[in-house]
Amino acid sequence: MTAARCAVWGLLLLAGGALLFLAAVRPAHAAEAPPLTLSATPAKVISGQSATLTASIGFSGAVLQVSERRGAEAAFTPTGSVTTGADGTVSWKVSPTLSTTYRVELAGDATWAAASAETTVSVRLRLAFQATKRLYAGRSIVFKAAGIPAHPGARLELQIRRDGAWQTLRTLKLDKRSRAVVKLKARRKSAPRFRVIMAATEELAAAVSRTRTVRIRKGNPYGVPIGPSRFIVVDRSQYKLHYLEHGTIVRSFNCVLGRPGRSTPIGRFRVWGRGVNPGGPFGVRVLWYYRGYGIHGTNQPWLLTHWPRAYSAGCTRLANANALWLFNRCPVGTQVWNVP
């Protein structure tokens, strides 16, 4: 081989060695990171409640940057950082007031490539809802709703259950105190169920209140309020005693009332005393409601068959069985109305 050829081969060998050296020292590309995940438990909460976020990347010591996007906001806002533990995971609590999307990011370095993951915690308001429990047909049902915590301007729907489905009656708007009040007239005797709902928005998840049942009753002719669970009305003109519960007449009894010159008093009273087996003209039981006037049994049951039944000294006499029935239901404090 000539000297020229030897020189060429030498140069080629030197160049090849340089290339091999450069290839050996060139830095490697960063490896793809293990899958980064982010989850929320629970994923839906009532405003004010907490959820637990858990990030996992499969190795310890990973520093993850945390950011959040609340409601309708367009951009994420940094909130801090977390570091994975020995098992490659890290958990922390959040208490969002609006539906919020959370993001964790691994910045990446010479070892691991960058990675990110997101999850959303949906938040709904707690809807407080009240309605009149009992009322007479023709009166107004009062509905009260509130969003907790306060969310002025939110729109709710007042719904009624009809034919197996919920139907919207009225749209309500929460005022500056996050409350709404509406009145609707009760048309007829029934027991409808009501609720309020809030449709989902960018800021809040859909919400539903508790159901409220409104008992609409037919009115009584005496104007007895619907609230008391027990009530006595003595109708002097009809010689009748009526026992009512929540404004509804449950039982009516014939009664003997005061004779001329000893009439049964007219007015509004309350039972102040009770007697068992008083005997004589009082029969088996007595309910005292005004001074010496009472509602009691009798030892002269045939007087109940006469008309007009005006034979007592002012008390209200019942058949003994009816006096016993009434006594068992009317404690001290029961209201008694004697009407003309």
C-alpha atoms as a PDB file:
ATOM      1  CA  MET A   1       0.000   0.000   0.000  1.00  0.00           C
ATOM      2  CA  THR A   2       1.403   3.364  -0.956  1.00  0.00           C
ATOM      3  CA  ALA A   3       2.085   6.102   1.550  1.00  0.00           C
ATOM      4  CA  ALA A   4      -0.803   8.183   0.142  1.00  0.00           C
ATOM      5  CA  ARG A   5      -3.322   5.403   0.631  1.00  0.00           C
ATOM      6  CA  CYS A   6      -2.109   4.829   4.183  1.00  0.00           C
ATOM      7  CA  ALA A   7      -2.634   8.494   4.947  1.00  0.00           C
ATOM      8  CA  VAL A   8      -6.223   8.383   3.620  1.00  0.00           C
ATOM      9  CA  TRP A   9      -7.117   5.318   5.671  1.00  0.00           C
ATOM     10  CA  GLY A  10      -5.659   6.968   8.732  1.00  0.00           C
ATOM     11  CA  LEU A  11      -7.811  10.020   8.304  1.00  0.00           C
ATOM     12  CA  LEU A  12     -10.927   7.879   7.828  1.00  0.00           C
ATOM     13  CA  LEU A  13     -10.206   5.922  11.002  1.00  0.00           C
ATOM     14  CA  LEU A  14      -9.726   9.128  12.984  1.00  0.00           C
ATOM     15  CA  ALA A  15     -12.994  10.578  11.701  1.00  0.00           C
ATOM     16  CA  GLY A  16     -14.912   7.386  12.524  1.00  0.00           C
ATOM     17  CA  GLY A  17     -13.530   7.361  16.035  1.00  0.00           C
ATOM     18  CA  ALA A  18     -14.557  10.949  16.578  1.00  0.00           C
ATOM     19  CA  LEU A  19     -18.107  10.171  15.458  1.00  0.00           C
ATOM     20  CA  LEU A  20     -18.312   7.209  17.807  1.00  0.00           C
ATOM     21  CA  PHE A  21     -17.090   9.375  20.671  1.00  0.00           C
ATOM     22  CA  LEU A  22     -19.642  12.093  19.967  1.00  0.00           C
ATOM     23  CA  ALA A  23     -22.421   9.525  19.789  1.00  0.00           C
ATOM     24  CA  ALA A  24     -21.352   8.096  23.124  1.00  0.00           C
ATOM     25  CA  VAL A  25     -21.385  11.424  24.992  1.00  0.00           C
ATOM     26  CA  ARG A  26     -24.591  12.940  23.456  1.00  0.00           C
ATOM     27  CA  PRO A  27     -27.248  13.254  26.220  1.00  0.00           C
ATOM     28  CA  ALA A  28     -30.198  10.843  25.996  1.00  0.00           C
ATOM     29  CA  HIS A  29     -33.820  12.102  25.607  1.00  0.00           C
ATOM     30  CA  ALA A  30     -35.819  12.247  28.898  1.00  0.00           C
ATOM     31  CA  ALA A  31     -37.894   9.105  29.422  1.00  0.00           C
ATOM     32  CA  GLU A  32     -41.676   9.337  29.318  1.00  0.00           C
ATOM     33  CA  ALA A  33     -43.047   9.620  32.878  1.00  0.00           C
ATOM     34  CA  PRO A  34     -45.298   6.908  34.322  1.00  0.00           C
ATOM     35  CA  PRO A  35     -48.998   7.760  33.869  1.00  0.00           C
ATOM     36  CA  LEU A  36     -50.001  10.763  35.996  1.00  0.00           C
ATOM     37  CA  THR A  37     -53.566  10.561  37.309  1.00  0.00           C
ATOM     38  CA  LEU A  38     -55.733  12.823  39.463  1.00  0.00           C
ATOM     39  CA  SER A  39     -59.016  11.762  41.082  1.00  0.00           C
ATOM     40  CA  ALA A  40     -61.566  13.312  43.470  1.00  0.00           C
ATOM     41  CA  THR A  41     -63.542  11.551  46.213  1.00  0.00           C
ATOM     42  CA  PRO A  42     -66.389  12.332  46.175  1.00  0.00           C
ATOM     43  CA  ALA A  43     -66.618  13.929  42.755  1.00  0.00           C
ATOM     44  CA  LYS A  44     -69.838  15.763  43.698  1.00  0.00           C
ATOM     45  CA  VAL A  45     -70.281  17.715  46.937  1.00  0.00           C
ATOM     46  CA  ILE A  46     -72.661  20.172  48.537  1.00  0.00           C
ATOM     47  CA  SER A  47     -71.141  23.622  48.827  1.00  0.00           C
ATOM     48  CA  GLY A  48     -69.091  23.781  52.009  1.00  0.00           C
ATOM     49  CA  GLN A  49     -68.264  20.079  52.063  1.00  0.00           C
ATOM     50  CA  SER A  50     -64.762  18.728  51.397  1.00  0.00           C
ATOM     51  CA  ALA A  51     -63.449  16.402  48.720  1.00  0.00           C
ATOM     52  CA  THR A  52     -60.143  14.516  48.721  1.00  0.00           C
ATOM     53  CA  LEU A  53     -57.877  14.856  45.683  1.00  0.00           C
ATOM     54  CA  THR A  54     -55.393  12.054  45.021  1.00  0.00           C
ATOM     55  CA  ALA A  55     -52.546  12.322  42.513  1.00  0.00           C
ATOM     56  CA  SER A  56     -50.535   9.261  41.461  1.00  0.00           C
ATOM     57  CA  ILE A  57     -47.458   9.033  39.241  1.00  0.00           C
ATOM     58  CA  GLY A  58     -45.754   5.819  40.336  1.00  0.00           C
ATOM     59  CA  PHE A  59     -42.572   7.110  41.939  1.00  0.00           C
ATOM     60  CA  SER A  60     -41.773   8.991  45.136  1.00  0.00           C
ATOM     61  CA  GLY A  61     -40.518  12.528  45.476  1.00  0.00           C
ATOM     62  CA  ALA A  62     -42.313  13.872  42.427  1.00  0.00           C
ATOM     63  CA  VAL A  63     -43.105  17.564  42.884  1.00  0.00           C
ATOM     64  CA  LEU A  64     -46.444  18.375  41.287  1.00  0.00           C
ATOM     65  CA  GLN A  65     -47.691  21.895  40.693  1.00  0.00           C
ATOM     66  CA  VAL A  66     -51.383  22.362  41.534  1.00  0.00           C
ATOM     67  CA  SER A  67     -53.739  24.837  39.877  1.00  0.00           C
ATOM     68  CA  GLU A  68     -57.512  25.297  39.683  1.00  0.00           C
ATOM     69  CA  ARG A  69     -60.172  26.766  37.428  1.00  0.00           C
ATOM     70  CA  ARG A  70     -63.355  27.828  39.268  1.00  0.00           C
ATOM     71  CA  GLY A  71     -66.772  27.922  37.650  1.00  0.00           C
ATOM     72  CA  ALA A  72     -66.791  29.819  34.358  1.00  0.00           C
ATOM     73  CA  GLU A  73     -63.193  31.107  34.646  1.00  0.00           C
ATOM     74  CA  ALA A  74     -61.168  30.677  31.449  1.00  0.00           C
ATOM     75  CA  ALA A  75     -57.700  30.165  32.947  1.00  0.00           C
ATOM     76  CA  PHE A  76     -56.142  28.015  35.647  1.00  0.00           C
ATOM     77  CA  THR A  77     -54.760  29.729  38.746  1.00  0.00           C
ATOM     78  CA  PRO A  78     -51.738  28.220  40.573  1.00  0.00           C
ATOM     79  CA  THR A  79     -52.497  27.261  44.166  1.00  0.00           C
ATOM     80  CA  GLY A  80     -49.313  25.509  45.325  1.00  0.00           C
ATOM     81  CA  SER A  81     -47.510  22.202  45.020  1.00  0.00           C
ATOM     82  CA  VAL A  82     -47.570  18.688  46.472  1.00  0.00           C
ATOM     83  CA  THR A  83     -44.961  15.928  46.648  1.00  0.00           C
ATOM     84  CA  THR A  84     -45.634  12.227  46.207  1.00  0.00           C
ATOM     85  CA  GLY A  85     -44.826   9.844  49.022  1.00  0.00           C
ATOM     86  CA  ALA A  86     -43.136   6.459  49.080  1.00  0.00           C
ATOM     87  CA  ASP A  87     -46.018   4.824  47.209  1.00  0.00           C
ATOM     88  CA  GLY A  88     -45.968   7.422  44.448  1.00  0.00           C
ATOM     89  CA  THR A  89     -49.209   9.078  45.521  1.00  0.00           C
ATOM     90  CA  VAL A  90     -50.252  12.173  47.434  1.00  0.00           C
ATOM     91  CA  SER A  91     -53.677  13.227  48.769  1.00  0.00           C
ATOM     92  CA  TRP A  92     -55.062  16.530  50.046  1.00  0.00           C
ATOM     93  CA  LYS A  93     -58.434  18.072  50.814  1.00  0.00           C
ATOM     94  CA  VAL A  94     -60.230  20.867  49.004  1.00  0.00           C
ATOM     95  CA  SER A  95     -63.472  22.693  49.873  1.00  0.00           C
ATOM     96  CA  PRO A  96     -64.708  24.393  46.713  1.00  0.00           C
ATOM     97  CA  THR A  97     -67.656  26.776  46.796  1.00  0.00           C
ATOM     98  CA  LEU A  98     -68.212  26.487  43.036  1.00  0.00           C
ATOM     99  CA  SER A  99     -67.679  23.620  40.613  1.00  0.00           C
ATOM    100  CA  THR A 100     -63.903  23.550  40.135  1.00  0.00           C
ATOM    101  CA  THR A 101     -61.477  21.784  37.795  1.00  0.00           C
ATOM    102  CA  TYR A 102     -58.126  20.897  39.379  1.00  0.00           C
ATOM    103  CA  ARG A 103     -54.861  20.248  37.504  1.00  0.00           C
ATOM    104  CA  VAL A 104     -51.543  18.729  38.596  1.00  0.00           C
ATOM    105  CA  GLU A 105     -48.402  19.099  36.467  1.00  0.00           C
ATOM    106  CA  LEU A 106     -44.971  17.482  36.486  1.00  0.00           C
ATOM    107  CA  ALA A 107     -42.532  20.034  35.085  1.00  0.00           C
ATOM    108  CA  GLY A 108     -40.214  17.432  33.582  1.00  0.00           C
ATOM    109  CA  ASP A 109     -36.414  17.217  33.656  1.00  0.00           C
ATOM    110  CA  ALA A 110     -33.559  15.201  32.187  1.00  0.00           C
ATOM    111  CA  THR A 111     -35.058  12.057  33.736  1.00  0.00           C
ATOM    112  CA  TRP A 112     -38.794  12.401  33.148  1.00  0.00           C
ATOM    113  CA  ALA A 113     -40.848  14.146  30.500  1.00  0.00           C
ATOM    114  CA  ALA A 114     -43.517  16.664  31.520  1.00  0.00           C
ATOM    115  CA  ALA A 115     -47.009  15.337  32.323  1.00  0.00           C
ATOM    116  CA  SER A 116     -50.342  16.665  33.585  1.00  0.00           C
ATOM    117  CA  ALA A 117     -53.761  15.425  34.719  1.00  0.00           C
ATOM    118  CA  GLU A 118     -57.114  17.036  35.575  1.00  0.00           C
ATOM    119  CA  THR A 119     -60.284  16.246  37.506  1.00  0.00           C
ATOM    120  CA  THR A 120     -63.442  18.189  38.358  1.00  0.00           C
ATOM    121  CA  VAL A 121     -65.310  18.485  41.652  1.00  0.00           C
ATOM    122  CA  SER A 122     -68.930  19.410  40.961  1.00  0.00           C
ATOM    123  CA  VAL A 123     -70.521  21.610  43.636  1.00  0.00           C
ATOM    124  CA  ARG A 124     -74.215  22.120  44.253  1.00  0.00           C
ATOM    125  CA  LEU A 125     -76.041  24.430  46.629  1.00  0.00           C
ATOM    126  CA  ARG A 126     -77.968  23.050  49.577  1.00  0.00           C
ATOM    127  CA  LEU A 127     -81.525  24.064  48.856  1.00  0.00           C
ATOM    128  CA  ALA A 128     -83.588  24.753  51.972  1.00  0.00           C
ATOM    129  CA  PHE A 129     -87.305  24.523  51.197  1.00  0.00           C
ATOM    130  CA  GLN A 130     -90.402  25.032  53.334  1.00  0.00           C
ATOM    131  CA  ALA A 131     -94.117  25.093  52.579  1.00  0.00           C
ATOM    132  CA  THR A 132     -97.313  25.565  54.573  1.00  0.00           C
ATOM    133  CA  LYS A 133     -98.090  22.176  56.120  1.00  0.00           C
ATOM    134  CA  ARG A 134    -101.873  22.447  56.379  1.00  0.00           C
ATOM    135  CA  LEU A 135    -104.466  24.918  55.208  1.00  0.00           C
ATOM    136  CA  TYR A 136    -108.008  25.240  53.974  1.00  0.00           C
ATOM    137  CA  ALA A 137    -108.925  25.300  50.299  1.00  0.00           C
ATOM    138  CA  GLY A 138    -109.068  28.883  49.075  1.00  0.00           C
ATOM    139  CA  ARG A 139    -106.162  30.013  51.271  1.00  0.00           C
ATOM    140  CA  SER A 140    -102.627  30.661  50.003  1.00  0.00           C
ATOM    141  CA  ILE A 141     -99.763  28.191  50.317  1.00  0.00           C
ATOM    142  CA  VAL A 142     -96.559  30.005  51.296  1.00  0.00           C
ATOM    143  CA  PHE A 143     -93.348  28.576  49.822  1.00  0.00           C
ATOM    144  CA  LYS A 144     -89.919  29.630  51.093  1.00  0.00           C
ATOM    145  CA  ALA A 145     -86.628  28.638  49.457  1.00  0.00           C
ATOM    146  CA  ALA A 146     -83.003  29.504  50.179  1.00  0.00           C
ATOM    147  CA  GLY A 147     -79.633  28.641  48.695  1.00  0.00           C
ATOM    148  CA  ILE A 148     -76.870  27.754  51.158  1.00  0.00           C
ATOM    149  CA  PRO A 149     -74.277  29.205  51.090  1.00  0.00           C
ATOM    150  CA  ALA A 150     -75.643  32.445  49.667  1.00  0.00           C
ATOM    151  CA  HIS A 151     -75.834  32.624  45.892  1.00  0.00           C
ATOM    152  CA  PRO A 152     -77.893  35.725  45.006  1.00  0.00           C
ATOM    153  CA  GLY A 153     -79.443  35.715  41.557  1.00  0.00           C
ATOM    154  CA  ALA A 154     -79.616  31.944  41.228  1.00  0.00           C
ATOM    155  CA  ARG A 155     -82.806  30.713  39.563  1.00  0.00           C
ATOM    156  CA  LEU A 156     -84.889  27.898  41.001  1.00  0.00           C
ATOM    157  CA  GLU A 157     -87.957  26.081  39.733  1.00  0.00           C
ATOM    158  CA  LEU A 158     -90.921  25.368  42.010  1.00  0.00           C
ATOM    159  CA  GLN A 159     -92.378  22.002  40.987  1.00  0.00           C
ATOM    160  CA  ILE A 160     -95.468  19.923  41.810  1.00  0.00           C
ATOM    161  CA  ARG A 161     -95.873  16.162  41.448  1.00  0.00           C
ATOM    162  CA  ARG A 162     -98.711  15.381  39.020  1.00  0.00           C
ATOM    163  CA  ASP A 163     -99.615  12.181  37.190  1.00  0.00           C
ATOM    164  CA  GLY A 164     -96.348  10.533  38.191  1.00  0.00           C
ATOM    165  CA  ALA A 165     -94.107  13.358  36.956  1.00  0.00           C
ATOM    166  CA  TRP A 166     -92.699  16.651  38.245  1.00  0.00           C
ATOM    167  CA  GLN A 167     -94.120  19.776  36.604  1.00  0.00           C
ATOM    168  CA  THR A 168     -92.764  23.311  36.961  1.00  0.00           C
ATOM    169  CA  LEU A 169     -95.212  25.834  38.422  1.00  0.00           C
ATOM    170  CA  ARG A 170     -93.073  28.928  38.824  1.00  0.00           C
ATOM    171  CA  THR A 171     -89.505  30.172  38.355  1.00  0.00           C
ATOM    172  CA  LEU A 172     -87.973  31.813  41.432  1.00  0.00           C
ATOM    173  CA  LYS A 173     -84.951  34.098  41.688  1.00  0.00           C
ATOM    174  CA  LEU A 174     -82.922  34.221  44.887  1.00  0.00           C
ATOM    175  CA  ASP A 175     -82.667  37.745  46.298  1.00  0.00           C
ATOM    176  CA  LYS A 176     -79.588  39.421  47.773  1.00  0.00           C
ATOM    177  CA  ARG A 177     -80.007  37.288  50.908  1.00  0.00           C
ATOM    178  CA  SER A 178     -80.210  34.169  48.727  1.00  0.00           C
ATOM    179  CA  ARG A 179     -83.902  33.671  49.556  1.00  0.00           C
ATOM    180  CA  ALA A 180     -87.172  33.492  47.631  1.00  0.00           C
ATOM    181  CA  VAL A 181     -90.814  33.539  48.762  1.00  0.00           C
ATOM    182  CA  VAL A 182     -93.905  32.851  46.660  1.00  0.00           C
ATOM    183  CA  LYS A 183     -97.602  32.286  47.394  1.00  0.00           C
ATOM    184  CA  LEU A 184    -100.015  30.102  45.429  1.00  0.00           C
ATOM    185  CA  LYS A 185    -103.707  29.578  46.132  1.00  0.00           C
ATOM    186  CA  ALA A 186    -104.841  26.118  47.261  1.00  0.00           C
ATOM    187  CA  ARG A 187    -107.705  25.220  44.942  1.00  0.00           C
ATOM    188  CA  ARG A 188    -109.287  22.104  46.409  1.00  0.00           C
ATOM    189  CA  LYS A 189    -108.953  19.386  49.019  1.00  0.00           C
ATOM    190  CA  SER A 190    -105.822  17.358  48.240  1.00  0.00           C
ATOM    191  CA  ALA A 191    -102.320  16.541  49.471  1.00  0.00           C
ATOM    192  CA  PRO A 192     -99.901  17.605  46.716  1.00  0.00           C
ATOM    193  CA  ARG A 193     -96.120  17.280  46.931  1.00  0.00           C
ATOM    194  CA  PHE A 194     -93.751  20.114  46.044  1.00  0.00           C
ATOM    195  CA  ARG A 195     -90.013  20.677  45.644  1.00  0.00           C
ATOM    196  CA  VAL A 196     -87.570  23.222  44.211  1.00  0.00           C
ATOM    197  CA  ILE A 197     -84.749  22.412  41.811  1.00  0.00           C
ATOM    198  CA  MET A 198     -81.787  24.275  40.399  1.00  0.00           C
ATOM    199  CA  ALA A 199     -80.558  23.452  36.896  1.00  0.00           C
ATOM    200  CA  ALA A 200     -76.840  22.907  36.329  1.00  0.00           C
ATOM    201  CA  THR A 201     -74.735  25.930  35.356  1.00  0.00           C
ATOM    202  CA  GLU A 202     -71.044  26.456  34.660  1.00  0.00           C
ATOM    203  CA  GLU A 203     -70.605  27.355  38.310  1.00  0.00           C
ATOM    204  CA  LEU A 204     -72.862  24.871  40.082  1.00  0.00           C
ATOM    205  CA  ALA A 205     -74.198  21.377  39.585  1.00  0.00           C
ATOM    206  CA  ALA A 206     -77.915  20.633  39.523  1.00  0.00           C
ATOM    207  CA  ALA A 207     -79.579  20.565  42.955  1.00  0.00           C
ATOM    208  CA  VAL A 208     -82.889  19.262  44.311  1.00  0.00           C
ATOM    209  CA  SER A 209     -84.545  20.123  47.620  1.00  0.00           C
ATOM    210  CA  ARG A 210     -86.462  17.857  49.954  1.00  0.00           C
ATOM    211  CA  THR A 211     -90.073  17.158  49.030  1.00  0.00           C
ATOM    212  CA  ARG A 212     -92.808  18.894  51.034  1.00  0.00           C
ATOM    213  CA  THR A 213     -96.394  17.645  51.291  1.00  0.00           C
ATOM    214  CA  VAL A 214     -99.136  20.250  51.734  1.00  0.00           C
ATOM    215  CA  ARG A 215    -102.424  19.000  53.164  1.00  0.00           C
ATOM    216  CA  ILE A 216    -105.290  21.052  51.796  1.00  0.00           C
ATOM    217  CA  ARG A 217    -108.527  20.537  53.701  1.00  0.00           C
ATOM    218  CA  LYS A 218    -112.108  21.547  53.232  1.00  0.00           C
ATOM    219  CA  GLY A 219    -112.937  24.395  55.592  1.00  0.00           C
ATOM    220  CA  ASN A 220    -115.253  23.976  58.584  1.00  0.00           C
ATOM    221  CA  PRO A 221    -118.243  26.293  59.165  1.00  0.00           C
ATOM    222  CA  TYR A 222    -116.966  27.498  62.549  1.00  0.00           C
ATOM    223  CA  GLY A 223    -113.699  29.086  61.495  1.00  0.00           C
ATOM    224  CA  VAL A 224    -111.659  26.725  63.667  1.00  0.00           C
ATOM    225  CA  PRO A 225    -107.963  27.148  62.796  1.00  0.00           C
ATOM    226  CA  ILE A 226    -106.193  24.289  61.090  1.00  0.00           C
ATOM    227  CA  GLY A 227    -103.251  24.137  63.497  1.00  0.00           C
ATOM    228  CA  PRO A 228    -104.607  22.502  66.695  1.00  0.00           C
ATOM    229  CA  SER A 229    -104.517  18.709  66.692  1.00  0.00           C
ATOM    230  CA  ARG A 230    -107.728  18.554  68.797  1.00  0.00           C
ATOM    231  CA  PHE A 231    -110.578  20.983  69.216  1.00  0.00           C
ATOM    232  CA  ILE A 232    -114.149  20.993  70.589  1.00  0.00           C
ATOM    233  CA  VAL A 233    -117.029  23.057  69.208  1.00  0.00           C
ATOM    234  CA  VAL A 234    -120.447  23.049  70.904  1.00  0.00           C
ATOM    235  CA  ASP A 235    -123.131  24.337  68.521  1.00  0.00           C
ATOM    236  CA  ARG A 236    -125.938  25.514  70.799  1.00  0.00           C
ATOM    237  CA  SER A 237    -128.461  26.044  68.000  1.00  0.00           C
ATOM    238  CA  GLN A 238    -128.066  22.450  66.784  1.00  0.00           C
ATOM    239  CA  TYR A 239    -127.480  20.778  70.174  1.00  0.00           C
ATOM    240  CA  LYS A 240    -124.344  19.218  68.674  1.00  0.00           C
ATOM    241  CA  LEU A 241    -120.804  18.749  69.940  1.00  0.00           C
ATOM    242  CA  HIS A 242    -118.121  18.478  67.233  1.00  0.00           C
ATOM    243  CA  TYR A 243    -114.633  17.092  67.775  1.00  0.00           C
ATOM    244  CA  LEU A 244    -112.097  18.421  65.232  1.00  0.00           C
ATOM    245  CA  GLU A 245    -108.504  17.585  64.320  1.00  0.00           C
ATOM    246  CA  HIS A 246    -106.547  20.184  62.344  1.00  0.00           C
ATOM    247  CA  GLY A 247    -109.758  21.945  61.416  1.00  0.00           C
ATOM    248  CA  THR A 248    -111.560  18.847  60.158  1.00  0.00           C
ATOM    249  CA  ILE A 249    -114.659  17.535  61.943  1.00  0.00           C
ATOM    250  CA  VAL A 250    -113.890  13.954  62.995  1.00  0.00           C
ATOM    251  CA  ARG A 251    -116.936  13.100  65.135  1.00  0.00           C
ATOM    252  CA  SER A 252    -120.231  14.826  65.990  1.00  0.00           C
ATOM    253  CA  PHE A 253    -122.453  13.926  68.961  1.00  0.00           C
ATOM    254  CA  ASN A 254    -125.934  14.867  70.076  1.00  0.00           C
ATOM    255  CA  CYS A 255    -125.774  16.718  73.381  1.00  0.00           C
ATOM    256  CA  VAL A 256    -128.018  18.143  76.091  1.00  0.00           C
ATOM    257  CA  LEU A 257    -127.454  21.829  76.885  1.00  0.00           C
ATOM    258  CA  GLY A 258    -128.606  24.320  79.500  1.00  0.00           C
ATOM    259  CA  ARG A 259    -132.289  24.815  80.193  1.00  0.00           C
ATOM    260  CA  PRO A 260    -133.950  28.266  80.141  1.00  0.00           C
ATOM    261  CA  GLY A 261    -132.434  30.444  82.848  1.00  0.00           C
ATOM    262  CA  ARG A 262    -129.328  28.177  83.074  1.00  0.00           C
ATOM    263  CA  SER A 263    -128.054  28.454  79.509  1.00  0.00           C
ATOM    264  CA  THR A 264    -124.725  27.028  78.391  1.00  0.00           C
ATOM    265  CA  PRO A 265    -122.174  29.892  78.209  1.00  0.00           C
ATOM    266  CA  ILE A 266    -121.095  31.241  74.826  1.00  0.00           C
ATOM    267  CA  GLY A 267    -117.407  31.939  74.266  1.00  0.00           C
ATOM    268  CA  ARG A 268    -113.962  30.470  73.842  1.00  0.00           C
ATOM    269  CA  PHE A 269    -112.516  28.381  76.650  1.00  0.00           C
ATOM    270  CA  ARG A 270    -109.949  25.697  77.441  1.00  0.00           C
ATOM    271  CA  VAL A 271    -110.215  22.448  79.362  1.00  0.00           C
ATOM    272  CA  TRP A 272    -108.750  23.116  82.804  1.00  0.00           C
ATOM    273  CA  GLY A 273    -109.639  19.885  84.623  1.00  0.00           C
ATOM    274  CA  ARG A 274    -110.631  16.258  84.069  1.00  0.00           C
ATOM    275  CA  GLY A 275    -112.634  13.910  86.235  1.00  0.00           C
ATOM    276  CA  VAL A 276    -113.003  10.119  86.218  1.00  0.00           C
ATOM    277  CA  ASN A 277    -116.249   8.472  87.365  1.00  0.00           C
ATOM    278  CA  PRO A 278    -117.713  11.579  89.007  1.00  0.00           C
ATOM    279  CA  GLY A 279    -121.065   9.756  89.207  1.00  0.00           C
ATOM    280  CA  GLY A 280    -124.605  11.129  89.404  1.00  0.00           C
ATOM    281  CA  PRO A 281    -125.611  13.459  86.562  1.00  0.00           C
ATOM    282  CA  PHE A 282    -121.956  13.675  85.427  1.00  0.00           C
ATOM    283  CA  GLY A 283    -121.845  10.049  84.277  1.00  0.00           C
ATOM    284  CA  VAL A 284    -118.502   8.360  83.641  1.00  0.00           C
ATOM    285  CA  ARG A 285    -116.214  11.291  82.706  1.00  0.00           C
ATOM    286  CA  VAL A 286    -116.111  15.086  82.867  1.00  0.00           C
ATOM    287  CA  LEU A 287    -114.007  17.781  81.174  1.00  0.00           C
ATOM    288  CA  TRP A 288    -114.154  21.087  83.083  1.00  0.00           C
ATOM    289  CA  TYR A 289    -113.668  24.134  80.846  1.00  0.00           C
ATOM    290  CA  TYR A 290    -115.177  27.204  82.573  1.00  0.00           C
ATOM    291  CA  ARG A 291    -115.792  27.627  86.295  1.00  0.00           C
ATOM    292  CA  GLY A 292    -118.316  24.927  87.187  1.00  0.00           C
ATOM    293  CA  TYR A 293    -119.272  24.198  83.577  1.00  0.00           C
ATOM    294  CA  GLY A 294    -118.146  20.976  81.978  1.00  0.00           C
ATOM    295  CA  ILE A 295    -118.667  18.422  79.224  1.00  0.00           C
ATOM    296  CA  HIS A 296    -119.668  15.100  80.780  1.00  0.00           C
ATOM    297  CA  GLY A 297    -121.694  11.922  80.576  1.00  0.00           C
ATOM    298  CA  THR A 298    -125.193  11.471  81.968  1.00  0.00           C
ATOM    299  CA  ASN A 299    -127.385   9.289  84.132  1.00  0.00           C
ATOM    300  CA  GLN A 300    -130.411  10.273  82.032  1.00  0.00           C
ATOM    301  CA  PRO A 301    -129.586   9.077  78.497  1.00  0.00           C
ATOM    302  CA  TRP A 302    -133.213   9.354  77.334  1.00  0.00           C
ATOM    303  CA  LEU A 303    -132.927  13.151  77.414  1.00  0.00           C
ATOM    304  CA  LEU A 304    -130.702  12.907  74.335  1.00  0.00           C
ATOM    305  CA  THR A 305    -133.706  11.746  72.287  1.00  0.00           C
ATOM    306  CA  HIS A 306    -135.802  14.872  72.968  1.00  0.00           C
ATOM    307  CA  TRP A 307    -135.872  18.145  71.019  1.00  0.00           C
ATOM    308  CA  PRO A 308    -134.932  20.728  71.965  1.00  0.00           C
ATOM    309  CA  ARG A 309    -132.412  19.141  74.302  1.00  0.00           C
ATOM    310  CA  ALA A 310    -132.333  21.925  76.897  1.00  0.00           C
ATOM    311  CA  TYR A 311    -132.401  20.211  80.293  1.00  0.00           C
ATOM    312  CA  SER A 312    -129.029  20.714  82.025  1.00  0.00           C
ATOM    313  CA  ALA A 313    -127.873  23.343  84.490  1.00  0.00           C
ATOM    314  CA  GLY A 314    -125.567  24.753  81.800  1.00  0.00           C
ATOM    315  CA  CYS A 315    -123.189  21.849  81.256  1.00  0.00           C
ATOM    316  CA  THR A 316    -122.927  19.844  78.035  1.00  0.00           C
ATOM    317  CA  ARG A 317    -124.171  16.277  78.490  1.00  0.00           C
ATOM    318  CA  LEU A 318    -123.199  13.394  76.206  1.00  0.00           C
ATOM    319  CA  ALA A 319    -124.018   9.719  76.107  1.00  0.00           C
ATOM    320  CA  ASN A 320    -121.547   7.990  78.436  1.00  0.00           C
ATOM    321  CA  ALA A 321    -119.838   6.124  75.591  1.00  0.00           C
ATOM    322  CA  ASN A 322    -119.305   9.400  73.734  1.00  0.00           C
ATOM    323  CA  ALA A 323    -118.100  11.190  76.872  1.00  0.00           C
ATOM    324  CA  LEU A 324    -115.536   8.425  77.387  1.00  0.00           C
ATOM    325  CA  TRP A 325    -114.400   8.606  73.736  1.00  0.00           C
ATOM    326  CA  LEU A 326    -113.954  12.384  73.942  1.00  0.00           C
ATOM    327  CA  PHE A 327    -112.215  12.231  77.347  1.00  0.00           C
ATOM    328  CA  ASN A 328    -109.581   9.855  75.944  1.00  0.00           C
ATOM    329  CA  ARG A 329    -108.618  12.396  73.262  1.00  0.00           C
ATOM    330  CA  CYS A 330    -108.775  15.763  75.011  1.00  0.00           C
ATOM    331  CA  PRO A 331    -106.101  16.656  77.581  1.00  0.00           C
ATOM    332  CA  VAL A 332    -106.017  19.768  79.723  1.00  0.00           C
ATOM    333  CA  GLY A 333    -105.543  22.766  77.444  1.00  0.00           C
ATOM    334  CA  THR A 334    -107.859  21.570  74.667  1.00  0.00           C
ATOM    335  CA  GLN A 335    -109.781  24.522  73.241  1.00  0.00           C
ATOM    336  CA  VAL A 336    -113.576  24.611  73.578  1.00  0.00           C
ATOM    337  CA  TRP A 337    -115.702  26.978  71.532  1.00  0.00           C
ATOM    338  CA  ASN A 338    -119.364  27.345  72.458  1.00  0.00           C
ATOM    339  CA  VAL A 339    -121.124  29.047  69.535  1.00  0.00           C
ATOM    340  CA  PRO A 340    -124.708  30.385  69.394  1.00  0.00           C
END
